[in-house]
Amino acid sequence: MWRPLCHIQFWIMLAIYTVLGLSSNPGSMVPVFNDLLMHFCGYLVAGVSISFAWPTTPYWKRAVFLLGYSIAIEIGQHFLPPRTFSVLDILANFSGIVAGLVLFMLLKRIAPVWAKPFVR
């Protein structure tokens, strides 16, 4: 029962990221703090989330999927004024993805015996 819930959570998270990423004024839904920090933190969460949902998928495939999604959102923003395509956003996203995957790797190493089924 645990894994399907992780899948559902991941797809809901992506749907929320898509709405926020492609809305013309995301500041009306979420207060803007530091754009690059928000990108980093959002994709750190995505890296951990995809790892709980598909823990046996190779890390590089998880990273490529999330990076491709990130680039697709940025391309979509190019066509939605006043939003713009930003390479810095993609770099912040990629940094967050890597940090999320590394965090999951660390969680796997330090997880107590009872938690192993959740991170393998």
PDB file of N, CA and C in Angstrom:
ATOM      1  N   MET A   1       0.819  -1.207   0.000  1.00  0.00           N
ATOM      2  CA  MET A   1       0.000   0.000   0.000  1.00  0.00           C
ATOM      3  C   MET A   1       0.858   1.265   0.000  1.00  0.00           C
ATOM      4  N   TRP A   2       2.032   1.195   0.558  1.00  0.00           N
ATOM      5  CA  TRP A   2       2.911   2.357   0.689  1.00  0.00           C
ATOM      6  C   TRP A   2       3.333   2.922  -0.669  1.00  0.00           C
ATOM      7  N   ARG A   3       3.796   2.075  -1.590  1.00  0.00           N
ATOM      8  CA  ARG A   3       4.339   2.558  -2.858  1.00  0.00           C
ATOM      9  C   ARG A   3       3.289   3.274  -3.711  1.00  0.00           C
ATOM     10  N   PRO A   4       2.065   2.738  -3.871  1.00  0.00           N
ATOM     11  CA  PRO A   4       1.066   3.479  -4.650  1.00  0.00           C
ATOM     12  C   PRO A   4       0.778   4.875  -4.091  1.00  0.00           C
ATOM     13  N   LEU A   5       0.814   5.022  -2.770  1.00  0.00           N
ATOM     14  CA  LEU A   5       0.623   6.353  -2.179  1.00  0.00           C
ATOM     15  C   LEU A   5       1.762   7.288  -2.569  1.00  0.00           C
ATOM     16  N   CYS A   6       2.971   6.748  -2.634  1.00  0.00           N
ATOM     17  CA  CYS A   6       4.120   7.556  -3.076  1.00  0.00           C
ATOM     18  C   CYS A   6       3.952   7.983  -4.526  1.00  0.00           C
ATOM     19  N   HIS A   7       3.435   7.069  -5.373  1.00  0.00           N
ATOM     20  CA  HIS A   7       3.192   7.411  -6.779  1.00  0.00           C
ATOM     21  C   HIS A   7       2.160   8.534  -6.882  1.00  0.00           C
ATOM     22  N   ILE A   8       1.058   8.380  -6.152  1.00  0.00           N
ATOM     23  CA  ILE A   8      -0.004   9.394  -6.177  1.00  0.00           C
ATOM     24  C   ILE A   8       0.534  10.741  -5.711  1.00  0.00           C
ATOM     25  N   GLN A   9       1.285  10.731  -4.616  1.00  0.00           N
ATOM     26  CA  GLN A   9       1.859  11.976  -4.096  1.00  0.00           C
ATOM     27  C   GLN A   9       2.765  12.629  -5.132  1.00  0.00           C
ATOM     28  N   PHE A  10       3.579  11.827  -5.812  1.00  0.00           N
ATOM     29  CA  PHE A  10       4.495  12.377  -6.810  1.00  0.00           C
ATOM     30  C   PHE A  10       3.726  13.041  -7.951  1.00  0.00           C
ATOM     31  N   TRP A  11       2.694  12.369  -8.472  1.00  0.00           N
ATOM     32  CA  TRP A  11       1.955  12.935  -9.604  1.00  0.00           C
ATOM     33  C   TRP A  11       1.152  14.173  -9.188  1.00  0.00           C
ATOM     34  N   ILE A  12       0.634  14.184  -7.966  1.00  0.00           N
ATOM     35  CA  ILE A  12      -0.053  15.387  -7.473  1.00  0.00           C
ATOM     36  C   ILE A  12       0.943  16.540  -7.358  1.00  0.00           C
ATOM     37  N   MET A  13       2.138  16.247  -6.849  1.00  0.00           N
ATOM     38  CA  MET A  13       3.176  17.278  -6.735  1.00  0.00           C
ATOM     39  C   MET A  13       3.511  17.851  -8.119  1.00  0.00           C
ATOM     40  N   LEU A  14       3.672  16.965  -9.123  1.00  0.00           N
ATOM     41  CA  LEU A  14       3.975  17.458 -10.474  1.00  0.00           C
ATOM     42  C   LEU A  14       2.830  18.297 -11.030  1.00  0.00           C
ATOM     43  N   ALA A  15       1.596  17.911 -10.747  1.00  0.00           N
ATOM     44  CA  ALA A  15       0.450  18.701 -11.210  1.00  0.00           C
ATOM     45  C   ALA A  15       0.475  20.095 -10.587  1.00  0.00           C
ATOM     46  N   ILE A  16       0.772  20.164  -9.294  1.00  0.00           N
ATOM     47  CA  ILE A  16       0.864  21.465  -8.617  1.00  0.00           C
ATOM     48  C   ILE A  16       2.003  22.284  -9.209  1.00  0.00           C
ATOM     49  N   TYR A  17       3.166  21.658  -9.425  1.00  0.00           N
ATOM     50  CA  TYR A  17       4.306  22.366 -10.019  1.00  0.00           C
ATOM     51  C   TYR A  17       3.955  22.871 -11.419  1.00  0.00           C
ATOM     52  N   THR A  18       3.182  22.078 -12.177  1.00  0.00           N
ATOM     53  CA  THR A  18       2.802  22.482 -13.530  1.00  0.00           C
ATOM     54  C   THR A  18       1.880  23.701 -13.487  1.00  0.00           C
ATOM     55  N   VAL A  19       0.896  23.675 -12.608  1.00  0.00           N
ATOM     56  CA  VAL A  19      -0.022  24.820 -12.481  1.00  0.00           C
ATOM     57  C   VAL A  19       0.754  26.067 -12.081  1.00  0.00           C
ATOM     58  N   LEU A  20       1.618  25.933 -11.071  1.00  0.00           N
ATOM     59  CA  LEU A  20       2.403  27.093 -10.629  1.00  0.00           C
ATOM     60  C   LEU A  20       3.379  27.545 -11.710  1.00  0.00           C
ATOM     61  N   GLY A  21       3.995  26.592 -12.396  1.00  0.00           N
ATOM     62  CA  GLY A  21       4.996  26.927 -13.407  1.00  0.00           C
ATOM     63  C   GLY A  21       4.418  27.561 -14.654  1.00  0.00           C
ATOM     64  N   LEU A  22       3.164  27.230 -14.968  1.00  0.00           N
ATOM     65  CA  LEU A  22       2.581  27.738 -16.205  1.00  0.00           C
ATOM     66  C   LEU A  22       1.490  28.781 -15.979  1.00  0.00           C
ATOM     67  N   SER A  23       1.306  29.217 -14.755  1.00  0.00           N
ATOM     68  CA  SER A  23       0.330  30.282 -14.512  1.00  0.00           C
ATOM     69  C   SER A  23       0.963  31.626 -14.860  1.00  0.00           C
ATOM     70  N   SER A  24       0.134  32.559 -15.280  1.00  0.00           N
ATOM     71  CA  SER A  24       0.675  33.855 -15.699  1.00  0.00           C
ATOM     72  C   SER A  24       1.142  34.693 -14.518  1.00  0.00           C
ATOM     73  N   ASN A  25       0.585  34.432 -13.326  1.00  0.00           N
ATOM     74  CA  ASN A  25       0.978  35.203 -12.149  1.00  0.00           C
ATOM     75  C   ASN A  25       1.044  34.286 -10.924  1.00  0.00           C
ATOM     76  N   PRO A  26       2.131  33.489 -10.800  1.00  0.00           N
ATOM     77  CA  PRO A  26       2.206  32.561  -9.668  1.00  0.00           C
ATOM     78  C   PRO A  26       2.305  33.268  -8.323  1.00  0.00           C
ATOM     79  N   GLY A  27       2.721  34.526  -8.318  1.00  0.00           N
ATOM     80  CA  GLY A  27       2.826  35.286  -7.079  1.00  0.00           C
ATOM     81  C   GLY A  27       1.488  35.467  -6.397  1.00  0.00           C
ATOM     82  N   SER A  28       0.402  35.345  -7.162  1.00  0.00           N
ATOM     83  CA  SER A  28      -0.925  35.454  -6.559  1.00  0.00           C
ATOM     84  C   SER A  28      -1.295  34.180  -5.801  1.00  0.00           C
ATOM     85  N   MET A  29      -0.613  33.044  -6.114  1.00  0.00           N
ATOM     86  CA  MET A  29      -0.890  31.769  -5.445  1.00  0.00           C
ATOM     87  C   MET A  29       0.120  31.462  -4.346  1.00  0.00           C
ATOM     88  N   VAL A  30       1.360  31.838  -4.589  1.00  0.00           N
ATOM     89  CA  VAL A  30       2.453  31.556  -3.651  1.00  0.00           C
ATOM     90  C   VAL A  30       3.275  32.823  -3.512  1.00  0.00           C
ATOM     91  N   PRO A  31       3.528  33.276  -2.298  1.00  0.00           N
ATOM     92  CA  PRO A  31       4.352  34.480  -2.158  1.00  0.00           C
ATOM     93  C   PRO A  31       5.769  34.234  -2.678  1.00  0.00           C
ATOM     94  N   VAL A  32       6.298  35.198  -3.402  1.00  0.00           N
ATOM     95  CA  VAL A  32       7.643  35.070  -3.963  1.00  0.00           C
ATOM     96  C   VAL A  32       8.652  35.501  -2.911  1.00  0.00           C
ATOM     97  N   PHE A  33       9.599  34.632  -2.630  1.00  0.00           N
ATOM     98  CA  PHE A  33      10.645  34.924  -1.655  1.00  0.00           C
ATOM     99  C   PHE A  33      11.931  35.173  -2.421  1.00  0.00           C
ATOM    100  N   ASN A  34      12.636  34.163  -2.749  1.00  0.00           N
ATOM    101  CA  ASN A  34      13.832  34.235  -3.579  1.00  0.00           C
ATOM    102  C   ASN A  34      13.617  33.203  -4.666  1.00  0.00           C
ATOM    103  N   ASP A  35      13.454  33.653  -5.891  1.00  0.00           N
ATOM    104  CA  ASP A  35      13.074  32.785  -7.002  1.00  0.00           C
ATOM    105  C   ASP A  35      13.984  31.565  -7.131  1.00  0.00           C
ATOM    106  N   LEU A  36      15.294  31.763  -7.132  1.00  0.00           N
ATOM    107  CA  LEU A  36      16.213  30.638  -7.330  1.00  0.00           C
ATOM    108  C   LEU A  36      16.196  29.689  -6.137  1.00  0.00           C
ATOM    109  N   LEU A  37      16.051  30.223  -4.932  1.00  0.00           N
ATOM    110  CA  LEU A  37      15.955  29.366  -3.752  1.00  0.00           C
ATOM    111  C   LEU A  37      14.669  28.541  -3.797  1.00  0.00           C
ATOM    112  N   MET A  38      13.581  29.149  -4.257  1.00  0.00           N
ATOM    113  CA  MET A  38      12.322  28.417  -4.387  1.00  0.00           C
ATOM    114  C   MET A  38      12.448  27.304  -5.418  1.00  0.00           C
ATOM    115  N   HIS A  39      13.128  27.579  -6.538  1.00  0.00           N
ATOM    116  CA  HIS A  39      13.364  26.539  -7.548  1.00  0.00           C
ATOM    117  C   HIS A  39      14.183  25.401  -6.949  1.00  0.00           C
ATOM    118  N   PHE A  40      15.262  25.743  -6.261  1.00  0.00           N
ATOM    119  CA  PHE A  40      16.134  24.736  -5.657  1.00  0.00           C
ATOM    120  C   PHE A  40      15.346  23.865  -4.679  1.00  0.00           C
ATOM    121  N   CYS A  41      14.624  24.488  -3.771  1.00  0.00           N
ATOM    122  CA  CYS A  41      13.880  23.736  -2.746  1.00  0.00           C
ATOM    123  C   CYS A  41      12.773  22.881  -3.362  1.00  0.00           C
ATOM    124  N   GLY A  42      12.085  23.434  -4.346  1.00  0.00           N
ATOM    125  CA  GLY A  42      11.019  22.672  -4.999  1.00  0.00           C
ATOM    126  C   GLY A  42      11.537  21.415  -5.663  1.00  0.00           C
ATOM    127  N   TYR A  43      12.658  21.527  -6.336  1.00  0.00           N
ATOM    128  CA  TYR A  43      13.207  20.361  -7.028  1.00  0.00           C
ATOM    129  C   TYR A  43      13.977  19.444  -6.092  1.00  0.00           C
ATOM    130  N   LEU A  44      14.438  19.934  -4.954  1.00  0.00           N
ATOM    131  CA  LEU A  44      14.986  19.052  -3.920  1.00  0.00           C
ATOM    132  C   LEU A  44      13.863  18.124  -3.440  1.00  0.00           C
ATOM    133  N   VAL A  45      12.697  18.702  -3.179  1.00  0.00           N
ATOM    134  CA  VAL A  45      11.535  17.906  -2.772  1.00  0.00           C
ATOM    135  C   VAL A  45      11.164  16.917  -3.881  1.00  0.00           C
ATOM    136  N   ALA A  46      11.209  17.358  -5.131  1.00  0.00           N
ATOM    137  CA  ALA A  46      10.885  16.468  -6.251  1.00  0.00           C
ATOM    138  C   ALA A  46      11.872  15.307  -6.338  1.00  0.00           C
ATOM    139  N   GLY A  47      13.148  15.574  -6.101  1.00  0.00           N
ATOM    140  CA  GLY A  47      14.158  14.514  -6.130  1.00  0.00           C
ATOM    141  C   GLY A  47      13.921  13.467  -5.060  1.00  0.00           C
ATOM    142  N   VAL A  48      13.544  13.899  -3.876  1.00  0.00           N
ATOM    143  CA  VAL A  48      13.229  12.950  -2.797  1.00  0.00           C
ATOM    144  C   VAL A  48      11.927  12.217  -3.122  1.00  0.00           C
ATOM    145  N   SER A  49      10.942  12.951  -3.607  1.00  0.00           N
ATOM    146  CA  SER A  49       9.633  12.370  -3.896  1.00  0.00           C
ATOM    147  C   SER A  49       9.711  11.280  -4.959  1.00  0.00           C
ATOM    148  N   ILE A  50      10.407  11.547  -6.056  1.00  0.00           N
ATOM    149  CA  ILE A  50      10.521  10.543  -7.116  1.00  0.00           C
ATOM    150  C   ILE A  50      11.291   9.325  -6.618  1.00  0.00           C
ATOM    151  N   SER A  51      12.197   9.535  -5.686  1.00  0.00           N
ATOM    152  CA  SER A  51      12.977   8.428  -5.143  1.00  0.00           C
ATOM    153  C   SER A  51      12.144   7.534  -4.235  1.00  0.00           C
ATOM    154  N   PHE A  52      11.226   8.106  -3.469  1.00  0.00           N
ATOM    155  CA  PHE A  52      10.323   7.272  -2.676  1.00  0.00           C
ATOM    156  C   PHE A  52       9.336   6.539  -3.575  1.00  0.00           C
ATOM    157  N   ALA A  53       8.910   7.186  -4.672  1.00  0.00           N
ATOM    158  CA  ALA A  53       7.942   6.564  -5.572  1.00  0.00           C
ATOM    159  C   ALA A  53       8.571   5.449  -6.411  1.00  0.00           C
ATOM    160  N   TRP A  54       9.784   5.657  -6.900  1.00  0.00           N
ATOM    161  CA  TRP A  54      10.466   4.674  -7.750  1.00  0.00           C
ATOM    162  C   TRP A  54      11.899   4.459  -7.268  1.00  0.00           C
ATOM    163  N   PRO A  55      12.066   3.822  -6.117  1.00  0.00           N
ATOM    164  CA  PRO A  55      13.401   3.696  -5.519  1.00  0.00           C
ATOM    165  C   PRO A  55      14.356   2.778  -6.274  1.00  0.00           C
ATOM    166  N   THR A  56      13.833   1.901  -7.127  1.00  0.00           N
ATOM    167  CA  THR A  56      14.727   0.988  -7.848  1.00  0.00           C
ATOM    168  C   THR A  56      15.129   1.520  -9.217  1.00  0.00           C
ATOM    169  N   THR A  57      14.510   2.598  -9.657  1.00  0.00           N
ATOM    170  CA  THR A  57      14.905   3.227 -10.919  1.00  0.00           C
ATOM    171  C   THR A  57      16.269   3.872 -10.722  1.00  0.00           C
ATOM    172  N   PRO A  58      17.183   3.691 -11.686  1.00  0.00           N
ATOM    173  CA  PRO A  58      18.518   4.300 -11.524  1.00  0.00           C
ATOM    174  C   PRO A  58      18.426   5.813 -11.282  1.00  0.00           C
ATOM    175  N   TYR A  59      19.337   6.296 -10.454  1.00  0.00           N
ATOM    176  CA  TYR A  59      19.338   7.722 -10.098  1.00  0.00           C
ATOM    177  C   TYR A  59      19.421   8.610 -11.330  1.00  0.00           C
ATOM    178  N   TRP A  60      20.230   8.224 -12.302  1.00  0.00           N
ATOM    179  CA  TRP A  60      20.401   9.076 -13.477  1.00  0.00           C
ATOM    180  C   TRP A  60      19.090   9.196 -14.248  1.00  0.00           C
ATOM    181  N   LYS A  61      18.274   8.130 -14.279  1.00  0.00           N
ATOM    182  CA  LYS A  61      16.987   8.203 -14.981  1.00  0.00           C
ATOM    183  C   LYS A  61      16.015   9.131 -14.250  1.00  0.00           C
ATOM    184  N   ARG A  62      16.045   9.087 -12.921  1.00  0.00           N
ATOM    185  CA  ARG A  62      15.199  10.002 -12.143  1.00  0.00           C
ATOM    186  C   ARG A  62      15.611  11.449 -12.409  1.00  0.00           C
ATOM    187  N   ALA A  63      16.926  11.678 -12.437  1.00  0.00           N
ATOM    188  CA  ALA A  63      17.441  13.036 -12.678  1.00  0.00           C
ATOM    189  C   ALA A  63      17.067  13.517 -14.073  1.00  0.00           C
ATOM    190  N   VAL A  64      17.216  12.652 -15.079  1.00  0.00           N
ATOM    191  CA  VAL A  64      16.893  13.039 -16.460  1.00  0.00           C
ATOM    192  C   VAL A  64      15.403  13.354 -16.587  1.00  0.00           C
ATOM    193  N   PHE A  65      14.547  12.544 -15.966  1.00  0.00           N
ATOM    194  CA  PHE A  65      13.108  12.807 -16.024  1.00  0.00           C
ATOM    195  C   PHE A  65      12.779  14.179 -15.445  1.00  0.00           C
ATOM    196  N   LEU A  66      13.280  14.441 -14.236  1.00  0.00           N
ATOM    197  CA  LEU A  66      12.967  15.720 -13.583  1.00  0.00           C
ATOM    198  C   LEU A  66      13.588  16.904 -14.320  1.00  0.00           C
ATOM    199  N   LEU A  67      14.796  16.725 -14.845  1.00  0.00           N
ATOM    200  CA  LEU A  67      15.420  17.806 -15.609  1.00  0.00           C
ATOM    201  C   LEU A  67      14.630  18.075 -16.889  1.00  0.00           C
ATOM    202  N   GLY A  68      14.198  17.015 -17.569  1.00  0.00           N
ATOM    203  CA  GLY A  68      13.374  17.187 -18.770  1.00  0.00           C
ATOM    204  C   GLY A  68      12.073  17.905 -18.458  1.00  0.00           C
ATOM    205  N   TYR A  69      11.445  17.539 -17.358  1.00  0.00           N
ATOM    206  CA  TYR A  69      10.221  18.209 -16.918  1.00  0.00           C
ATOM    207  C   TYR A  69      10.498  19.690 -16.650  1.00  0.00           C
ATOM    208  N   SER A  70      11.601  19.962 -15.961  1.00  0.00           N
ATOM    209  CA  SER A  70      11.986  21.337 -15.634  1.00  0.00           C
ATOM    210  C   SER A  70      12.184  22.172 -16.899  1.00  0.00           C
ATOM    211  N   ILE A  71      12.871  21.606 -17.864  1.00  0.00           N
ATOM    212  CA  ILE A  71      13.112  22.314 -19.128  1.00  0.00           C
ATOM    213  C   ILE A  71      11.794  22.536 -19.865  1.00  0.00           C
ATOM    214  N   ALA A  72      10.912  21.534 -19.856  1.00  0.00           N
ATOM    215  CA  ALA A  72       9.609  21.679 -20.518  1.00  0.00           C
ATOM    216  C   ALA A  72       8.802  22.822 -19.899  1.00  0.00           C
ATOM    217  N   ILE A  73       8.826  22.936 -18.582  1.00  0.00           N
ATOM    218  CA  ILE A  73       8.120  24.036 -17.911  1.00  0.00           C
ATOM    219  C   ILE A  73       8.719  25.376 -18.334  1.00  0.00           C
ATOM    220  N   GLU A  74      10.044  25.454 -18.375  1.00  0.00           N
ATOM    221  CA  GLU A  74      10.697  26.711 -18.779  1.00  0.00           C
ATOM    222  C   GLU A  74      10.363  27.066 -20.225  1.00  0.00           C
ATOM    223  N   ILE A  75      10.312  26.079 -21.109  1.00  0.00           N
ATOM    224  CA  ILE A  75       9.928  26.340 -22.506  1.00  0.00           C
ATOM    225  C   ILE A  75       8.483  26.838 -22.548  1.00  0.00           C
ATOM    226  N   GLY A  76       7.605  26.209 -21.771  1.00  0.00           N
ATOM    227  CA  GLY A  76       6.217  26.659 -21.706  1.00  0.00           C
ATOM    228  C   GLY A  76       6.101  28.093 -21.228  1.00  0.00           C
ATOM    229  N   GLN A  77       6.943  28.472 -20.284  1.00  0.00           N
ATOM    230  CA  GLN A  77       6.914  29.843 -19.765  1.00  0.00           C
ATOM    231  C   GLN A  77       7.307  30.863 -20.834  1.00  0.00           C
ATOM    232  N   HIS A  78       8.131  30.451 -21.775  1.00  0.00           N
ATOM    233  CA  HIS A  78       8.545  31.354 -22.859  1.00  0.00           C
ATOM    234  C   HIS A  78       7.328  31.856 -23.647  1.00  0.00           C
ATOM    235  N   PHE A  79       6.298  31.020 -23.735  1.00  0.00           N
ATOM    236  CA  PHE A  79       5.117  31.363 -24.523  1.00  0.00           C
ATOM    237  C   PHE A  79       3.983  31.962 -23.681  1.00  0.00           C
ATOM    238  N   LEU A  80       4.254  32.244 -22.407  1.00  0.00           N
ATOM    239  CA  LEU A  80       3.229  32.780 -21.506  1.00  0.00           C
ATOM    240  C   LEU A  80       3.679  34.097 -20.884  1.00  0.00           C
ATOM    241  N   PRO A  81       3.561  35.204 -21.633  1.00  0.00           N
ATOM    242  CA  PRO A  81       3.945  36.485 -21.037  1.00  0.00           C
ATOM    243  C   PRO A  81       3.130  36.735 -19.780  1.00  0.00           C
ATOM    244  N   PRO A  82       3.655  37.299 -18.764  1.00  0.00           N
ATOM    245  CA  PRO A  82       4.974  37.915 -18.623  1.00  0.00           C
ATOM    246  C   PRO A  82       6.058  36.932 -18.190  1.00  0.00           C
ATOM    247  N   ARG A  83       5.779  35.621 -18.198  1.00  0.00           N
ATOM    248  CA  ARG A  83       6.775  34.629 -17.804  1.00  0.00           C
ATOM    249  C   ARG A  83       7.870  34.571 -18.861  1.00  0.00           C
ATOM    250  N   THR A  84       9.061  34.111 -18.456  1.00  0.00           N
ATOM    251  CA  THR A  84      10.183  34.015 -19.392  1.00  0.00           C
ATOM    252  C   THR A  84      10.967  32.734 -19.151  1.00  0.00           C
ATOM    253  N   PHE A  85      11.657  32.289 -20.189  1.00  0.00           N
ATOM    254  CA  PHE A  85      12.574  31.153 -20.108  1.00  0.00           C
ATOM    255  C   PHE A  85      13.822  31.623 -19.372  1.00  0.00           C
ATOM    256  N   SER A  86      14.310  30.818 -18.426  1.00  0.00           N
ATOM    257  CA  SER A  86      15.491  31.214 -17.666  1.00  0.00           C
ATOM    258  C   SER A  86      16.429  30.032 -17.462  1.00  0.00           C
ATOM    259  N   VAL A  87      17.644  30.167 -17.976  1.00  0.00           N
ATOM    260  CA  VAL A  87      18.666  29.136 -17.780  1.00  0.00           C
ATOM    261  C   VAL A  87      19.035  29.047 -16.299  1.00  0.00           C
ATOM    262  N   LEU A  88      19.037  30.180 -15.595  1.00  0.00           N
ATOM    263  CA  LEU A  88      19.343  30.157 -14.158  1.00  0.00           C
ATOM    264  C   LEU A  88      18.314  29.337 -13.378  1.00  0.00           C
ATOM    265  N   ASP A  89      17.047  29.421 -13.783  1.00  0.00           N
ATOM    266  CA  ASP A  89      16.026  28.593 -13.137  1.00  0.00           C
ATOM    267  C   ASP A  89      16.326  27.113 -13.353  1.00  0.00           C
ATOM    268  N   ILE A  90      16.713  26.754 -14.573  1.00  0.00           N
ATOM    269  CA  ILE A  90      17.036  25.357 -14.878  1.00  0.00           C
ATOM    270  C   ILE A  90      18.233  24.900 -14.055  1.00  0.00           C
ATOM    271  N   LEU A  91      19.236  25.747 -13.915  1.00  0.00           N
ATOM    272  CA  LEU A  91      20.405  25.386 -13.095  1.00  0.00           C
ATOM    273  C   LEU A  91      20.019  25.217 -11.627  1.00  0.00           C
ATOM    274  N   ALA A  92      19.165  26.091 -11.121  1.00  0.00           N
ATOM    275  CA  ALA A  92      18.695  25.953  -9.735  1.00  0.00           C
ATOM    276  C   ALA A  92      17.873  24.673  -9.582  1.00  0.00           C
ATOM    277  N   ASN A  93      17.037  24.383 -10.581  1.00  0.00           N
ATOM    278  CA  ASN A  93      16.249  23.152 -10.548  1.00  0.00           C
ATOM    279  C   ASN A  93      17.162  21.929 -10.531  1.00  0.00           C
ATOM    280  N   PHE A  94      18.157  21.921 -11.412  1.00  0.00           N
ATOM    281  CA  PHE A  94      19.075  20.782 -11.495  1.00  0.00           C
ATOM    282  C   PHE A  94      19.848  20.613 -10.191  1.00  0.00           C
ATOM    283  N   SER A  95      20.265  21.719  -9.608  1.00  0.00           N
ATOM    284  CA  SER A  95      20.966  21.646  -8.317  1.00  0.00           C
ATOM    285  C   SER A  95      20.057  21.039  -7.251  1.00  0.00           C
ATOM    286  N   GLY A  96      18.797  21.432  -7.251  1.00  0.00           N
ATOM    287  CA  GLY A  96      17.837  20.869  -6.304  1.00  0.00           C
ATOM    288  C   GLY A  96      17.591  19.387  -6.547  1.00  0.00           C
ATOM    289  N   ILE A  97      17.519  18.991  -7.813  1.00  0.00           N
ATOM    290  CA  ILE A  97      17.338  17.575  -8.157  1.00  0.00           C
ATOM    291  C   ILE A  97      18.492  16.755  -7.601  1.00  0.00           C
ATOM    292  N   VAL A  98      19.712  17.205  -7.865  1.00  0.00           N
ATOM    293  CA  VAL A  98      20.900  16.483  -7.378  1.00  0.00           C
ATOM    294  C   VAL A  98      20.892  16.422  -5.852  1.00  0.00           C
ATOM    295  N   ALA A  99      20.588  17.533  -5.207  1.00  0.00           N
ATOM    296  CA  ALA A  99      20.550  17.556  -3.739  1.00  0.00           C
ATOM    297  C   ALA A  99      19.481  16.598  -3.207  1.00  0.00           C
ATOM    298  N   GLY A 100      18.326  16.555  -3.847  1.00  0.00           N
ATOM    299  CA  GLY A 100      17.261  15.647  -3.419  1.00  0.00           C
ATOM    300  C   GLY A 100      17.646  14.187  -3.570  1.00  0.00           C
ATOM    301  N   LEU A 101      18.300  13.861  -4.685  1.00  0.00           N
ATOM    302  CA  LEU A 101      18.733  12.477  -4.895  1.00  0.00           C
ATOM    303  C   LEU A 101      19.828  12.091  -3.910  1.00  0.00           C
ATOM    304  N   VAL A 102      20.749  13.005  -3.651  1.00  0.00           N
ATOM    305  CA  VAL A 102      21.813  12.736  -2.668  1.00  0.00           C
ATOM    306  C   VAL A 102      21.206  12.585  -1.275  1.00  0.00           C
ATOM    307  N   LEU A 103      20.248  13.423  -0.937  1.00  0.00           N
ATOM    308  CA  LEU A 103      19.580  13.309   0.361  1.00  0.00           C
ATOM    309  C   LEU A 103      18.914  11.944   0.501  1.00  0.00           C
ATOM    310  N   PHE A 104      18.263  11.483  -0.562  1.00  0.00           N
ATOM    311  CA  PHE A 104      17.636  10.162  -0.514  1.00  0.00           C
ATOM    312  C   PHE A 104      18.686   9.068  -0.338  1.00  0.00           C
ATOM    313  N   MET A 105      19.821   9.192  -1.036  1.00  0.00           N
ATOM    314  CA  MET A 105      20.908   8.212  -0.865  1.00  0.00           C
ATOM    315  C   MET A 105      21.357   8.163   0.592  1.00  0.00           C
ATOM    316  N   LEU A 106      21.492   9.329   1.202  1.00  0.00           N
ATOM    317  CA  LEU A 106      21.891   9.382   2.610  1.00  0.00           C
ATOM    318  C   LEU A 106      20.824   8.764   3.513  1.00  0.00           C
ATOM    319  N   LEU A 107      19.561   9.035   3.215  1.00  0.00           N
ATOM    320  CA  LEU A 107      18.474   8.434   3.995  1.00  0.00           C
ATOM    321  C   LEU A 107      18.523   6.911   3.907  1.00  0.00           C
ATOM    322  N   LYS A 108      18.829   6.396   2.704  1.00  0.00           N
ATOM    323  CA  LYS A 108      18.935   4.943   2.541  1.00  0.00           C
ATOM    324  C   LYS A 108      20.041   4.369   3.413  1.00  0.00           C
ATOM    325  N   ARG A 109      21.151   5.077   3.497  1.00  0.00           N
ATOM    326  CA  ARG A 109      22.299   4.572   4.268  1.00  0.00           C
ATOM    327  C   ARG A 109      22.055   4.600   5.775  1.00  0.00           C
ATOM    328  N   ILE A 110      21.372   5.629   6.246  1.00  0.00           N
ATOM    329  CA  ILE A 110      21.227   5.771   7.699  1.00  0.00           C
ATOM    330  C   ILE A 110      19.886   5.278   8.226  1.00  0.00           C
ATOM    331  N   ALA A 111      18.999   4.825   7.330  1.00  0.00           N
ATOM    332  CA  ALA A 111      17.674   4.383   7.767  1.00  0.00           C
ATOM    333  C   ALA A 111      17.794   3.185   8.703  1.00  0.00           C
ATOM    334  N   PRO A 112      17.045   3.205   9.789  1.00  0.00           N
ATOM    335  CA  PRO A 112      17.054   2.039  10.676  1.00  0.00           C
ATOM    336  C   PRO A 112      16.418   0.837   9.975  1.00  0.00           C
ATOM    337  N   VAL A 113      16.631  -0.327  10.528  1.00  0.00           N
ATOM    338  CA  VAL A 113      16.160  -1.573   9.916  1.00  0.00           C
ATOM    339  C   VAL A 113      14.661  -1.529   9.621  1.00  0.00           C
ATOM    340  N   TRP A 114      13.848  -1.001  10.534  1.00  0.00           N
ATOM    341  CA  TRP A 114      12.401  -0.978  10.332  1.00  0.00           C
ATOM    342  C   TRP A 114      11.985  -0.100   9.161  1.00  0.00           C
ATOM    343  N   ALA A 115      12.820   0.869   8.782  1.00  0.00           N
ATOM    344  CA  ALA A 115      12.474   1.799   7.704  1.00  0.00           C
ATOM    345  C   ALA A 115      12.991   1.344   6.346  1.00  0.00           C
ATOM    346  N   LYS A 116      13.793   0.305   6.291  1.00  0.00           N
ATOM    347  CA  LYS A 116      14.386  -0.138   5.025  1.00  0.00           C
ATOM    348  C   LYS A 116      13.354  -0.393   3.920  1.00  0.00           C
ATOM    349  N   PRO A 117      12.181  -0.994   4.212  1.00  0.00           N
ATOM    350  CA  PRO A 117      11.217  -1.208   3.125  1.00  0.00           C
ATOM    351  C   PRO A 117      10.759   0.083   2.445  1.00  0.00           C
ATOM    352  N   PHE A 118      10.835   1.192   3.134  1.00  0.00           N
ATOM    353  CA  PHE A 118      10.367   2.455   2.571  1.00  0.00           C
ATOM    354  C   PHE A 118      11.380   3.103   1.640  1.00  0.00           C
ATOM    355  N   VAL A 119      12.644   2.737   1.762  1.00  0.00           N
ATOM    356  CA  VAL A 119      13.684   3.401   0.968  1.00  0.00           C
ATOM    357  C   VAL A 119      14.419   2.460   0.021  1.00  0.00           C
ATOM    358  N   ARG A 120      13.945   1.251  -0.152  1.00  0.00           N
ATOM    359  CA  ARG A 120      14.625   0.373  -1.116  1.00  0.00           C
ATOM    360  C   ARG A 120      13.849   0.255  -2.377  1.00  0.00           C
TER     361      ARG A 120
END
